[in-house]
Amino acid sequence: MKILITDEFLRKLNSQIEYLARDKPKAARQFKEAVFSKIRSLEKFPKASRKSVYFNNENIREGIIKGYKIIFRLNPKKDQIEVFGFIRSQNKP
């Protein structure tokens, strides 16, 4: 499957990386590498991630990395994975 990363995802990710880089530039680079490594792994194992809790759709899934959720859609008709969401995981009170 081909991986498509949306501009909105990149905007949110870059905003978080810039924030992290203010205090820890090396940690920000490592975080960015970890996120893209997780995205690349989707190509081989797209269904290894759980169904998203935000959508009632089996093809919308989320991968979790370092407290952040990467939301993506499996599009079997186009044979692609569309990465579109990036949010901070939060525990319910």
N, C-alpha and C. Protein backbone atom coordinates (compact mmCIF):
# COMPACT_ATOMS: atom_id res chain seq x y z
N MET A 1 0.83 -1.19 0.00
CA MET A 1 0.00 0.00 0.00
C MET A 1 0.88 1.25 0.00
N LYS A 2 0.42 2.24 -0.72
CA LYS A 2 1.11 3.52 -0.76
C LYS A 2 0.66 4.37 0.44
N ILE A 3 1.57 5.16 0.98
CA ILE A 3 1.25 6.03 2.11
C ILE A 3 1.13 7.46 1.63
N LEU A 4 0.00 8.09 1.95
CA LEU A 4 -0.25 9.49 1.63
C LEU A 4 -0.34 10.26 2.95
N ILE A 5 0.47 11.28 3.11
CA ILE A 5 0.46 12.09 4.32
C ILE A 5 -0.13 13.45 3.98
N THR A 6 -1.18 13.84 4.71
CA THR A 6 -1.87 15.09 4.40
C THR A 6 -1.09 16.30 4.93
N ASP A 7 -1.37 17.45 4.34
CA ASP A 7 -0.75 18.70 4.79
C ASP A 7 -1.15 19.03 6.22
N GLU A 8 -2.39 18.72 6.59
CA GLU A 8 -2.87 19.00 7.95
C GLU A 8 -2.07 18.19 8.98
N PHE A 9 -1.81 16.92 8.67
CA PHE A 9 -1.00 16.10 9.56
C PHE A 9 0.39 16.71 9.72
N LEU A 10 1.02 17.07 8.61
CA LEU A 10 2.36 17.65 8.66
C LEU A 10 2.39 18.96 9.43
N ARG A 11 1.35 19.77 9.27
CA ARG A 11 1.27 21.05 10.00
C ARG A 11 1.24 20.80 11.51
N LYS A 12 0.40 19.86 11.94
CA LYS A 12 0.28 19.56 13.37
C LYS A 12 1.57 18.93 13.92
N LEU A 13 2.15 18.03 13.16
CA LEU A 13 3.39 17.39 13.59
C LEU A 13 4.52 18.42 13.70
N ASN A 14 4.67 19.26 12.69
CA ASN A 14 5.74 20.26 12.71
C ASN A 14 5.55 21.25 13.84
N SER A 15 4.32 21.59 14.15
CA SER A 15 4.05 22.49 15.28
C SER A 15 4.52 21.86 16.59
N GLN A 16 4.24 20.58 16.76
CA GLN A 16 4.67 19.89 17.98
C GLN A 16 6.19 19.76 18.03
N ILE A 17 6.81 19.49 16.91
CA ILE A 17 8.26 19.35 16.87
C ILE A 17 8.94 20.69 17.20
N GLU A 18 8.41 21.77 16.66
CA GLU A 18 8.96 23.09 16.97
C GLU A 18 8.84 23.39 18.46
N TYR A 19 7.72 23.01 19.06
CA TYR A 19 7.53 23.22 20.50
C TYR A 19 8.56 22.41 21.30
N LEU A 20 8.74 21.14 20.94
CA LEU A 20 9.70 20.30 21.64
C LEU A 20 11.13 20.80 21.46
N ALA A 21 11.43 21.31 20.28
CA ALA A 21 12.80 21.75 19.95
C ALA A 21 13.23 22.98 20.75
N ARG A 22 12.28 23.72 21.28
CA ARG A 22 12.65 24.90 22.08
C ARG A 22 13.52 24.53 23.27
N ASP A 23 13.19 23.42 23.92
CA ASP A 23 13.94 22.98 25.09
C ASP A 23 14.93 21.85 24.78
N LYS A 24 14.53 20.96 23.87
CA LYS A 24 15.34 19.77 23.61
C LYS A 24 15.38 19.47 22.11
N PRO A 25 16.28 20.11 21.38
CA PRO A 25 16.36 19.89 19.93
C PRO A 25 16.62 18.43 19.55
N LYS A 26 17.49 17.77 20.29
CA LYS A 26 17.81 16.38 19.97
C LYS A 26 16.59 15.49 20.18
N ALA A 27 15.85 15.71 21.25
CA ALA A 27 14.64 14.93 21.53
C ALA A 27 13.59 15.18 20.44
N ALA A 28 13.52 16.40 19.94
CA ALA A 28 12.56 16.72 18.87
C ALA A 28 12.90 15.96 17.60
N ARG A 29 14.19 15.89 17.26
CA ARG A 29 14.61 15.13 16.07
C ARG A 29 14.30 13.65 16.24
N GLN A 30 14.57 13.12 17.42
CA GLN A 30 14.31 11.70 17.68
C GLN A 30 12.82 11.41 17.63
N PHE A 31 12.02 12.34 18.12
CA PHE A 31 10.56 12.17 18.09
C PHE A 31 10.07 12.13 16.64
N LYS A 32 10.58 13.06 15.82
CA LYS A 32 10.18 13.10 14.41
C LYS A 32 10.56 11.80 13.71
N GLU A 33 11.76 11.30 13.97
CA GLU A 33 12.20 10.04 13.37
C GLU A 33 11.31 8.88 13.82
N ALA A 34 10.92 8.88 15.08
CA ALA A 34 10.07 7.80 15.61
C ALA A 34 8.68 7.84 14.95
N VAL A 35 8.14 9.04 14.75
CA VAL A 35 6.83 9.17 14.12
C VAL A 35 6.87 8.64 12.69
N PHE A 36 7.88 9.05 11.93
CA PHE A 36 7.96 8.59 10.55
C PHE A 36 8.30 7.11 10.44
N SER A 37 9.01 6.58 11.41
CA SER A 37 9.27 5.14 11.44
C SER A 37 7.96 4.38 11.66
N LYS A 38 7.13 4.90 12.56
CA LYS A 38 5.81 4.30 12.81
C LYS A 38 4.96 4.35 11.55
N ILE A 39 4.99 5.47 10.85
CA ILE A 39 4.21 5.61 9.62
C ILE A 39 4.70 4.63 8.55
N ARG A 40 6.01 4.50 8.41
CA ARG A 40 6.56 3.55 7.43
C ARG A 40 6.15 2.12 7.75
N SER A 41 6.03 1.79 9.03
CA SER A 41 5.65 0.43 9.42
C SER A 41 4.21 0.11 9.03
N LEU A 42 3.40 1.14 8.82
CA LEU A 42 2.00 0.92 8.42
C LEU A 42 1.92 0.25 7.05
N GLU A 43 2.91 0.51 6.23
CA GLU A 43 2.92 -0.05 4.88
C GLU A 43 2.87 -1.58 4.90
N LYS A 44 3.59 -2.18 5.83
CA LYS A 44 3.65 -3.64 5.93
C LYS A 44 2.53 -4.20 6.81
N PHE A 45 2.17 -3.47 7.86
CA PHE A 45 1.20 -3.97 8.83
C PHE A 45 0.12 -2.92 9.10
N PRO A 46 -0.70 -2.57 8.12
CA PRO A 46 -1.68 -1.51 8.33
C PRO A 46 -2.78 -1.84 9.33
N LYS A 47 -3.10 -3.12 9.46
CA LYS A 47 -4.18 -3.49 10.39
C LYS A 47 -3.66 -3.86 11.77
N ALA A 48 -2.38 -3.66 12.01
CA ALA A 48 -1.82 -3.95 13.33
C ALA A 48 -2.27 -2.90 14.35
N SER A 49 -2.64 -1.73 13.88
CA SER A 49 -3.12 -0.67 14.77
C SER A 49 -4.60 -0.86 15.04
N ARG A 50 -5.03 -0.36 16.19
CA ARG A 50 -6.43 -0.53 16.58
C ARG A 50 -7.36 0.41 15.81
N LYS A 51 -8.62 0.05 15.80
CA LYS A 51 -9.66 0.90 15.20
C LYS A 51 -9.72 2.19 16.01
N SER A 52 -9.87 3.32 15.35
CA SER A 52 -9.90 4.61 16.03
C SER A 52 -11.12 4.74 16.94
N VAL A 53 -10.91 5.30 18.11
CA VAL A 53 -12.01 5.53 19.04
C VAL A 53 -12.81 6.76 18.63
N TYR A 54 -12.30 7.55 17.70
CA TYR A 54 -12.96 8.79 17.28
C TYR A 54 -13.92 8.61 16.11
N PHE A 55 -13.84 7.47 15.43
CA PHE A 55 -14.65 7.23 14.25
C PHE A 55 -15.29 5.85 14.33
N ASN A 56 -16.48 5.73 13.81
CA ASN A 56 -17.16 4.43 13.76
C ASN A 56 -16.95 3.84 12.37
N ASN A 57 -15.70 3.53 12.08
CA ASN A 57 -15.34 3.03 10.77
C ASN A 57 -14.14 2.10 10.93
N GLU A 58 -14.28 0.89 10.47
CA GLU A 58 -13.22 -0.12 10.61
C GLU A 58 -11.94 0.25 9.85
N ASN A 59 -12.07 1.09 8.84
CA ASN A 59 -10.91 1.47 8.03
C ASN A 59 -10.16 2.68 8.58
N ILE A 60 -10.68 3.31 9.61
CA ILE A 60 -9.97 4.43 10.23
C ILE A 60 -9.34 3.90 11.52
N ARG A 61 -8.03 3.99 11.58
CA ARG A 61 -7.27 3.39 12.67
C ARG A 61 -6.33 4.41 13.31
N GLU A 62 -5.75 4.03 14.42
CA GLU A 62 -4.81 4.92 15.10
C GLU A 62 -3.63 4.14 15.63
N GLY A 63 -2.48 4.73 15.41
CA GLY A 63 -1.24 4.19 15.98
C GLY A 63 -0.80 5.14 17.08
N ILE A 64 -0.27 4.61 18.14
CA ILE A 64 0.13 5.44 19.27
C ILE A 64 1.64 5.41 19.41
N ILE A 65 2.22 6.60 19.58
CA ILE A 65 3.66 6.71 19.78
C ILE A 65 3.95 7.86 20.75
N LYS A 66 4.58 7.51 21.85
CA LYS A 66 5.00 8.48 22.86
C LYS A 66 3.87 9.42 23.29
N GLY A 67 2.69 8.86 23.49
CA GLY A 67 1.57 9.65 23.98
C GLY A 67 0.81 10.42 22.91
N TYR A 68 1.11 10.20 21.66
CA TYR A 68 0.42 10.86 20.56
C TYR A 68 -0.25 9.81 19.68
N LYS A 69 -1.39 10.19 19.10
CA LYS A 69 -2.10 9.28 18.21
C LYS A 69 -1.93 9.76 16.78
N ILE A 70 -1.58 8.82 15.92
CA ILE A 70 -1.49 9.05 14.48
C ILE A 70 -2.74 8.40 13.89
N ILE A 71 -3.63 9.22 13.36
CA ILE A 71 -4.89 8.72 12.81
C ILE A 71 -4.73 8.54 11.31
N PHE A 72 -5.16 7.38 10.81
CA PHE A 72 -5.03 7.12 9.39
C PHE A 72 -6.20 6.31 8.86
N ARG A 73 -6.43 6.42 7.57
CA ARG A 73 -7.53 5.74 6.90
C ARG A 73 -6.96 4.73 5.91
N LEU A 74 -7.47 3.52 5.96
CA LEU A 74 -7.12 2.50 4.96
C LEU A 74 -8.08 2.68 3.79
N ASN A 75 -7.53 2.85 2.60
CA ASN A 75 -8.34 3.02 1.41
C ASN A 75 -7.99 1.90 0.43
N PRO A 76 -8.67 0.75 0.57
CA PRO A 76 -8.32 -0.40 -0.27
C PRO A 76 -8.59 -0.17 -1.76
N LYS A 77 -9.57 0.67 -2.09
CA LYS A 77 -9.87 0.93 -3.51
C LYS A 77 -8.70 1.61 -4.21
N LYS A 78 -8.03 2.51 -3.51
CA LYS A 78 -6.87 3.21 -4.08
C LYS A 78 -5.56 2.55 -3.68
N ASP A 79 -5.63 1.50 -2.87
CA ASP A 79 -4.46 0.80 -2.37
C ASP A 79 -3.50 1.78 -1.67
N GLN A 80 -4.10 2.58 -0.75
CA GLN A 80 -3.26 3.54 -0.03
C GLN A 80 -3.71 3.71 1.42
N ILE A 81 -2.79 4.24 2.19
CA ILE A 81 -3.02 4.60 3.58
C ILE A 81 -2.93 6.12 3.65
N GLU A 82 -3.99 6.76 4.16
CA GLU A 82 -4.03 8.22 4.24
C GLU A 82 -3.84 8.65 5.69
N VAL A 83 -2.70 9.22 5.99
CA VAL A 83 -2.39 9.68 7.34
C VAL A 83 -2.89 11.11 7.45
N PHE A 84 -3.87 11.35 8.35
CA PHE A 84 -4.48 12.67 8.39
C PHE A 84 -4.60 13.30 9.77
N GLY A 85 -4.46 12.55 10.84
CA GLY A 85 -4.65 13.12 12.17
C GLY A 85 -3.46 12.90 13.08
N PHE A 86 -3.21 13.90 13.92
CA PHE A 86 -2.13 13.83 14.90
C PHE A 86 -2.59 14.56 16.15
N ILE A 87 -2.87 13.80 17.20
CA ILE A 87 -3.37 14.41 18.44
C ILE A 87 -2.67 13.82 19.65
N ARG A 88 -2.68 14.59 20.70
CA ARG A 88 -2.12 14.15 21.98
C ARG A 88 -3.13 13.26 22.67
N SER A 89 -2.71 12.07 23.11
CA SER A 89 -3.60 11.17 23.87
C SER A 89 -3.82 11.78 25.23
N GLN A 90 -5.04 11.65 25.70
CA GLN A 90 -5.37 12.16 27.03
C GLN A 90 -6.12 11.11 27.81
N ASN A 91 -5.75 10.99 29.07
CA ASN A 91 -6.45 10.07 29.94
C ASN A 91 -7.73 10.72 30.44
N LYS A 92 -8.77 9.92 30.55
CA LYS A 92 -10.03 10.46 31.09
C LYS A 92 -9.87 10.61 32.59
N PRO A 93 -10.47 11.66 33.18
CA PRO A 93 -10.33 11.87 34.64
C PRO A 93 -11.00 10.79 35.46
